[in-house]
Amino acid sequence: MEFVFIKNDKGELVANGTCFLVGVRNPAITNAYYYYYYLVTAKHVLQNTNGEFFSQVVLRMNDRKGGYGWVPISLDPTNGMRVFTHKDPTVDIAVVELALNDAIADVPAFPAQFIASKEVVQNLNVREGDDVFFPGLFIPFYGNSNNVPIYRFGRISTMTEEKIPWQKDGPVSLYLIEAQSFGVQRDRKSVV
């Protein structure tokens, strides 16, 4: 579990959310496991309160020595960096291609085939009442020497094909999960 930081108005790095990495194997290299890495997060983690993407975020990653390191990631399209989002603007997902040195960073990437499509979810009969768990960020404590995620446990409470009214976005496609969560309201302005 990696943590995404932004700079606040004072220039301090503050935690803004979590992300995970997906590794896509390079099929051209047959005698080694070389991956292209992609950062996957909620779109709002990479945006300011006006919905504009930050020009830069900083990834806090565990390293192979038991500590952590900082990986600055430019989101500036003029530098060739692209943030991929869903064609439906209400879908809160963003993907960024990364160049990581897995000899230095502890890169716990999910293989791309672990991501379940709607068809896979349907074929596996995933439905309301099924158990779920997911790692997250406890903003008051994210770890002193390395990233320390918290794990939330719960159940799927709603999986409907109908769109659900949601805040200012209007009706959106959602799967609702009942799980305990602890959040801290903070100012998300950034000078990054």
C-alpha atoms as a PDB file:
ATOM      1  CA  MET A   1       0.000   0.000   0.000  1.00  0.00           C
ATOM      2  CA  GLU A   2       1.466   3.293  -1.103  1.00  0.00           C
ATOM      3  CA  PHE A   3       0.443   6.679   0.221  1.00  0.00           C
ATOM      4  CA  VAL A   4      -0.065   9.767  -1.952  1.00  0.00           C
ATOM      5  CA  PHE A   5       1.123  13.075  -0.495  1.00  0.00           C
ATOM      6  CA  ILE A   6       0.659  16.645  -1.681  1.00  0.00           C
ATOM      7  CA  LYS A   7       2.230  19.892  -0.542  1.00  0.00           C
ATOM      8  CA  ASN A   8      -0.045  22.134   1.490  1.00  0.00           C
ATOM      9  CA  ASP A   9      -0.020  25.941   1.409  1.00  0.00           C
ATOM     10  CA  LYS A  10       2.955  25.939   3.832  1.00  0.00           C
ATOM     11  CA  GLY A  11       4.999  23.662   1.549  1.00  0.00           C
ATOM     12  CA  GLU A  12       4.659  20.684   3.898  1.00  0.00           C
ATOM     13  CA  LEU A  13       3.939  17.207   2.576  1.00  0.00           C
ATOM     14  CA  VAL A  14       0.559  15.959   3.808  1.00  0.00           C
ATOM     15  CA  ALA A  15      -1.093  12.624   3.195  1.00  0.00           C
ATOM     16  CA  ASN A  16      -3.932  12.882   0.697  1.00  0.00           C
ATOM     17  CA  GLY A  17      -4.878   9.276   0.002  1.00  0.00           C
ATOM     18  CA  THR A  18      -3.777   5.800  -0.925  1.00  0.00           C
ATOM     19  CA  CYS A  19      -2.987   3.997  -4.112  1.00  0.00           C
ATOM     20  CA  PHE A  20      -1.950   0.578  -5.269  1.00  0.00           C
ATOM     21  CA  LEU A  21       0.283  -0.520  -8.093  1.00  0.00           C
ATOM     22  CA  VAL A  22      -0.563  -2.811 -10.982  1.00  0.00           C
ATOM     23  CA  GLY A  23       2.201  -4.602 -12.844  1.00  0.00           C
ATOM     24  CA  VAL A  24       1.765  -5.519 -16.498  1.00  0.00           C
ATOM     25  CA  ARG A  25       4.361  -8.004 -17.704  1.00  0.00           C
ATOM     26  CA  ASN A  26       6.302  -7.082 -20.825  1.00  0.00           C
ATOM     27  CA  PRO A  27       5.591  -9.969 -23.231  1.00  0.00           C
ATOM     28  CA  ALA A  28       8.663  -9.093 -25.333  1.00  0.00           C
ATOM     29  CA  ILE A  29      10.996 -10.145 -22.495  1.00  0.00           C
ATOM     30  CA  THR A  30      10.576 -13.891 -22.085  1.00  0.00           C
ATOM     31  CA  ASN A  31      13.449 -14.766 -19.748  1.00  0.00           C
ATOM     32  CA  ALA A  32      12.696 -12.227 -16.996  1.00  0.00           C
ATOM     33  CA  TYR A  33       9.813 -10.697 -15.137  1.00  0.00           C
ATOM     34  CA  TYR A  34       9.899  -7.123 -16.342  1.00  0.00           C
ATOM     35  CA  TYR A  35       6.804  -5.122 -15.547  1.00  0.00           C
ATOM     36  CA  TYR A  36       5.316  -1.829 -16.576  1.00  0.00           C
ATOM     37  CA  TYR A  37       3.908  -0.267 -13.429  1.00  0.00           C
ATOM     38  CA  TYR A  38       0.710   1.720 -13.094  1.00  0.00           C
ATOM     39  CA  LEU A  39      -0.460   3.689 -10.080  1.00  0.00           C
ATOM     40  CA  VAL A  40      -4.197   3.267  -9.457  1.00  0.00           C
ATOM     41  CA  THR A  41      -6.067   5.575  -7.102  1.00  0.00           C
ATOM     42  CA  ALA A  42      -9.283   7.501  -6.686  1.00  0.00           C
ATOM     43  CA  LYS A  43      -9.338  10.426  -9.106  1.00  0.00           C
ATOM     44  CA  HIS A  44     -10.097  12.903  -6.303  1.00  0.00           C
ATOM     45  CA  VAL A  45      -6.781  11.996  -4.591  1.00  0.00           C
ATOM     46  CA  LEU A  46      -4.928  13.586  -7.519  1.00  0.00           C
ATOM     47  CA  GLN A  47      -7.201  16.650  -7.761  1.00  0.00           C
ATOM     48  CA  ASN A  48      -7.627  19.875  -5.857  1.00  0.00           C
ATOM     49  CA  THR A  49     -11.011  21.052  -4.598  1.00  0.00           C
ATOM     50  CA  ASN A  50     -11.741  22.592  -8.024  1.00  0.00           C
ATOM     51  CA  GLY A  51     -11.341  19.212  -9.733  1.00  0.00           C
ATOM     52  CA  GLU A  52      -8.034  20.165 -11.394  1.00  0.00           C
ATOM     53  CA  PHE A  53      -5.169  17.689 -11.329  1.00  0.00           C
ATOM     54  CA  PHE A  54      -2.195  18.688  -9.199  1.00  0.00           C
ATOM     55  CA  SER A  55       0.947  19.350 -11.205  1.00  0.00           C
ATOM     56  CA  GLN A  56       2.807  16.947  -8.916  1.00  0.00           C
ATOM     57  CA  VAL A  57       2.146  14.446  -6.149  1.00  0.00           C
ATOM     58  CA  VAL A  58       4.659  12.555  -4.052  1.00  0.00           C
ATOM     59  CA  LEU A  59       4.403   8.824  -3.514  1.00  0.00           C
ATOM     60  CA  ARG A  60       5.604   7.428  -0.184  1.00  0.00           C
ATOM     61  CA  MET A  61       6.817   3.873  -0.792  1.00  0.00           C
ATOM     62  CA  ASN A  62       8.421   1.309   1.462  1.00  0.00           C
ATOM     63  CA  ASP A  63      11.991   0.496   0.464  1.00  0.00           C
ATOM     64  CA  ARG A  64      13.891  -2.779   0.643  1.00  0.00           C
ATOM     65  CA  LYS A  65      15.858  -1.633   3.729  1.00  0.00           C
ATOM     66  CA  GLY A  66      12.790  -1.494   5.990  1.00  0.00           C
ATOM     67  CA  GLY A  67      12.186   2.237   5.679  1.00  0.00           C
ATOM     68  CA  TYR A  68      10.459   4.370   3.102  1.00  0.00           C
ATOM     69  CA  GLY A  69      11.341   6.717   0.299  1.00  0.00           C
ATOM     70  CA  TRP A  70       9.697   9.541  -1.605  1.00  0.00           C
ATOM     71  CA  VAL A  71       8.920   9.300  -5.318  1.00  0.00           C
ATOM     72  CA  PRO A  72       7.828  12.604  -6.910  1.00  0.00           C
ATOM     73  CA  ILE A  73       5.381  12.096  -9.746  1.00  0.00           C
ATOM     74  CA  SER A  74       4.722  14.850 -12.234  1.00  0.00           C
ATOM     75  CA  LEU A  75       1.137  14.969 -13.445  1.00  0.00           C
ATOM     76  CA  ASP A  76       1.935  17.816 -15.819  1.00  0.00           C
ATOM     77  CA  PRO A  77       0.780  16.855 -19.335  1.00  0.00           C
ATOM     78  CA  THR A  78       3.355  19.227 -20.873  1.00  0.00           C
ATOM     79  CA  ASN A  79       6.042  16.864 -19.509  1.00  0.00           C
ATOM     80  CA  GLY A  80       4.449  13.943 -21.313  1.00  0.00           C
ATOM     81  CA  MET A  81       2.740  12.578 -18.208  1.00  0.00           C
ATOM     82  CA  ARG A  82      -0.808  11.388 -18.700  1.00  0.00           C
ATOM     83  CA  VAL A  83      -3.453  10.658 -16.129  1.00  0.00           C
ATOM     84  CA  PHE A  84      -5.938   8.141 -17.472  1.00  0.00           C
ATOM     85  CA  THR A  85      -9.504   8.407 -16.233  1.00  0.00           C
ATOM     86  CA  HIS A  86     -12.755   6.680 -17.043  1.00  0.00           C
ATOM     87  CA  LYS A  87     -14.857   8.058 -19.898  1.00  0.00           C
ATOM     88  CA  ASP A  88     -17.733   8.436 -17.407  1.00  0.00           C
ATOM     89  CA  PRO A  89     -16.704  11.512 -15.356  1.00  0.00           C
ATOM     90  CA  THR A  90     -18.565  10.208 -12.274  1.00  0.00           C
ATOM     91  CA  VAL A  91     -16.218   7.203 -12.038  1.00  0.00           C
ATOM     92  CA  ASP A  92     -13.675   8.100  -9.357  1.00  0.00           C
ATOM     93  CA  ILE A  93     -10.592   6.330 -10.718  1.00  0.00           C
ATOM     94  CA  ALA A  94      -7.258   7.500 -12.107  1.00  0.00           C
ATOM     95  CA  VAL A  95      -4.307   5.571 -13.527  1.00  0.00           C
ATOM     96  CA  VAL A  96      -0.771   6.918 -14.012  1.00  0.00           C
ATOM     97  CA  GLU A  97       2.091   5.071 -15.720  1.00  0.00           C
ATOM     98  CA  LEU A  98       5.203   4.898 -13.527  1.00  0.00           C
ATOM     99  CA  ALA A  99       8.862   4.166 -14.057  1.00  0.00           C
ATOM    100  CA  LEU A 100      10.034   2.470 -10.849  1.00  0.00           C
ATOM    101  CA  ASN A 101      13.295   0.815  -9.907  1.00  0.00           C
ATOM    102  CA  ASP A 102      12.146  -2.335  -8.142  1.00  0.00           C
ATOM    103  CA  ALA A 103      15.737  -3.025  -7.066  1.00  0.00           C
ATOM    104  CA  ILE A 104      15.386  -0.069  -4.658  1.00  0.00           C
ATOM    105  CA  ALA A 105      11.677   0.238  -3.927  1.00  0.00           C
ATOM    106  CA  ASP A 106       9.578  -2.544  -2.488  1.00  0.00           C
ATOM    107  CA  VAL A 107       7.116  -2.719  -5.379  1.00  0.00           C
ATOM    108  CA  PRO A 108       4.135  -4.813  -4.277  1.00  0.00           C
ATOM    109  CA  ALA A 109       2.279  -4.653  -7.571  1.00  0.00           C
ATOM    110  CA  PHE A 110      -0.831  -6.655  -8.329  1.00  0.00           C
ATOM    111  CA  PRO A 111      -0.665  -8.559 -11.594  1.00  0.00           C
ATOM    112  CA  ALA A 112      -3.151  -7.052 -14.062  1.00  0.00           C
ATOM    113  CA  GLN A 113      -5.100 -10.334 -14.209  1.00  0.00           C
ATOM    114  CA  PHE A 114      -6.099  -9.864 -10.531  1.00  0.00           C
ATOM    115  CA  ILE A 115      -8.427  -6.992 -11.473  1.00  0.00           C
ATOM    116  CA  ALA A 116     -11.947  -8.325 -11.795  1.00  0.00           C
ATOM    117  CA  SER A 117     -14.161  -7.080 -14.606  1.00  0.00           C
ATOM    118  CA  LYS A 118     -17.941  -6.901 -14.276  1.00  0.00           C
ATOM    119  CA  GLU A 119     -18.102 -10.227 -16.125  1.00  0.00           C
ATOM    120  CA  VAL A 120     -15.746 -11.898 -13.638  1.00  0.00           C
ATOM    121  CA  VAL A 121     -17.729 -10.501 -10.694  1.00  0.00           C
ATOM    122  CA  GLN A 122     -20.911 -11.886 -12.270  1.00  0.00           C
ATOM    123  CA  ASN A 123     -19.357 -15.290 -13.055  1.00  0.00           C
ATOM    124  CA  LEU A 124     -18.057 -15.626  -9.483  1.00  0.00           C
ATOM    125  CA  ASN A 125     -21.523 -14.704  -8.168  1.00  0.00           C
ATOM    126  CA  VAL A 126     -20.213 -11.865  -6.015  1.00  0.00           C
ATOM    127  CA  ARG A 127     -23.221 -10.262  -4.360  1.00  0.00           C
ATOM    128  CA  GLU A 128     -24.709  -8.521  -1.339  1.00  0.00           C
ATOM    129  CA  GLY A 129     -23.617 -10.046   1.951  1.00  0.00           C
ATOM    130  CA  ASP A 130     -20.193 -11.159   0.695  1.00  0.00           C
ATOM    131  CA  ASP A 131     -17.249 -10.237   2.917  1.00  0.00           C
ATOM    132  CA  VAL A 132     -14.804  -7.547   1.837  1.00  0.00           C
ATOM    133  CA  PHE A 133     -11.661  -6.023   3.256  1.00  0.00           C
ATOM    134  CA  PHE A 134      -9.436  -3.269   1.991  1.00  0.00           C
ATOM    135  CA  PRO A 135      -6.357  -1.383   3.163  1.00  0.00           C
ATOM    136  CA  GLY A 136      -6.459   2.339   3.686  1.00  0.00           C
ATOM    137  CA  LEU A 137      -4.793   5.342   5.259  1.00  0.00           C
ATOM    138  CA  PHE A 138      -5.346   6.391   8.861  1.00  0.00           C
ATOM    139  CA  ILE A 139      -4.433  10.054   8.450  1.00  0.00           C
ATOM    140  CA  PRO A 140      -3.440  10.697  12.095  1.00  0.00           C
ATOM    141  CA  PHE A 141      -0.811   7.896  11.830  1.00  0.00           C
ATOM    142  CA  TYR A 142       0.643   6.545   8.600  1.00  0.00           C
ATOM    143  CA  GLY A 143       3.822   5.106  10.105  1.00  0.00           C
ATOM    144  CA  ASN A 144       7.090   6.551  11.351  1.00  0.00           C
ATOM    145  CA  SER A 145       9.611   4.178   9.779  1.00  0.00           C
ATOM    146  CA  ASN A 146       7.522   2.730   6.936  1.00  0.00           C
ATOM    147  CA  ASN A 147       3.979   2.789   5.550  1.00  0.00           C
ATOM    148  CA  VAL A 148       1.471   1.331   7.989  1.00  0.00           C
ATOM    149  CA  PRO A 149      -1.936   0.878   6.355  1.00  0.00           C
ATOM    150  CA  ILE A 150      -5.079   0.118   8.300  1.00  0.00           C
ATOM    151  CA  TYR A 151      -7.462  -2.596   7.170  1.00  0.00           C
ATOM    152  CA  ARG A 152     -11.192  -2.166   7.036  1.00  0.00           C
ATOM    153  CA  PHE A 153     -13.570  -5.120   7.036  1.00  0.00           C
ATOM    154  CA  GLY A 154     -17.206  -5.288   6.051  1.00  0.00           C
ATOM    155  CA  ARG A 155     -19.767  -6.646   3.612  1.00  0.00           C
ATOM    156  CA  ILE A 156     -21.187  -5.670   0.266  1.00  0.00           C
ATOM    157  CA  SER A 157     -24.525  -4.033   1.047  1.00  0.00           C
ATOM    158  CA  THR A 158     -25.771  -3.061  -2.434  1.00  0.00           C
ATOM    159  CA  MET A 159     -24.872  -4.097  -5.973  1.00  0.00           C
ATOM    160  CA  THR A 160     -27.457  -2.741  -8.324  1.00  0.00           C
ATOM    161  CA  GLU A 161     -27.423  -1.977 -12.026  1.00  0.00           C
ATOM    162  CA  GLU A 162     -29.495   1.127 -11.252  1.00  0.00           C
ATOM    163  CA  LYS A 163     -27.658   4.421 -10.836  1.00  0.00           C
ATOM    164  CA  ILE A 164     -27.732   5.858  -7.316  1.00  0.00           C
ATOM    165  CA  PRO A 165     -28.055   9.593  -6.537  1.00  0.00           C
ATOM    166  CA  TRP A 166     -24.696  10.679  -5.106  1.00  0.00           C
ATOM    167  CA  GLN A 167     -23.759  14.162  -3.911  1.00  0.00           C
ATOM    168  CA  LYS A 168     -23.355  16.734  -6.691  1.00  0.00           C
ATOM    169  CA  ASP A 169     -22.499  14.107  -9.313  1.00  0.00           C
ATOM    170  CA  GLY A 170     -26.111  13.001  -9.673  1.00  0.00           C
ATOM    171  CA  PRO A 171     -26.901   9.369 -10.389  1.00  0.00           C
ATOM    172  CA  VAL A 172     -23.800   7.146 -10.576  1.00  0.00           C
ATOM    173  CA  SER A 173     -23.058   3.430 -10.676  1.00  0.00           C
ATOM    174  CA  LEU A 174     -21.983   2.344  -7.189  1.00  0.00           C
ATOM    175  CA  TYR A 175     -21.372  -0.782  -5.185  1.00  0.00           C
ATOM    176  CA  LEU A 176     -22.022   0.092  -1.562  1.00  0.00           C
ATOM    177  CA  ILE A 177     -19.922  -1.473   1.196  1.00  0.00           C
ATOM    178  CA  GLU A 178     -20.706  -1.361   4.894  1.00  0.00           C
ATOM    179  CA  ALA A 179     -17.384  -0.958   6.692  1.00  0.00           C
ATOM    180  CA  GLN A 180     -16.042   1.120   9.544  1.00  0.00           C
ATOM    181  CA  SER A 181     -14.038   4.085   8.408  1.00  0.00           C
ATOM    182  CA  PHE A 182     -12.356   6.915  10.237  1.00  0.00           C
ATOM    183  CA  GLY A 183     -11.803  10.110   8.309  1.00  0.00           C
ATOM    184  CA  VAL A 184     -10.366  13.479   9.161  1.00  0.00           C
ATOM    185  CA  GLN A 185     -11.637  16.577   7.395  1.00  0.00           C
ATOM    186  CA  ARG A 186      -8.814  18.683   6.040  1.00  0.00           C
ATOM    187  CA  ASP A 187      -8.128  21.436   3.573  1.00  0.00           C
ATOM    188  CA  ARG A 188      -7.093  19.919   0.230  1.00  0.00           C
ATOM    189  CA  LYS A 189      -5.570  23.044  -1.287  1.00  0.00           C
ATOM    190  CA  SER A 190      -2.138  22.537  -2.724  1.00  0.00           C
ATOM    191  CA  VAL A 191       0.751  24.510  -4.097  1.00  0.00           C
ATOM    192  CA  VAL A 192       2.374  21.485  -5.761  1.00  0.00           C
END
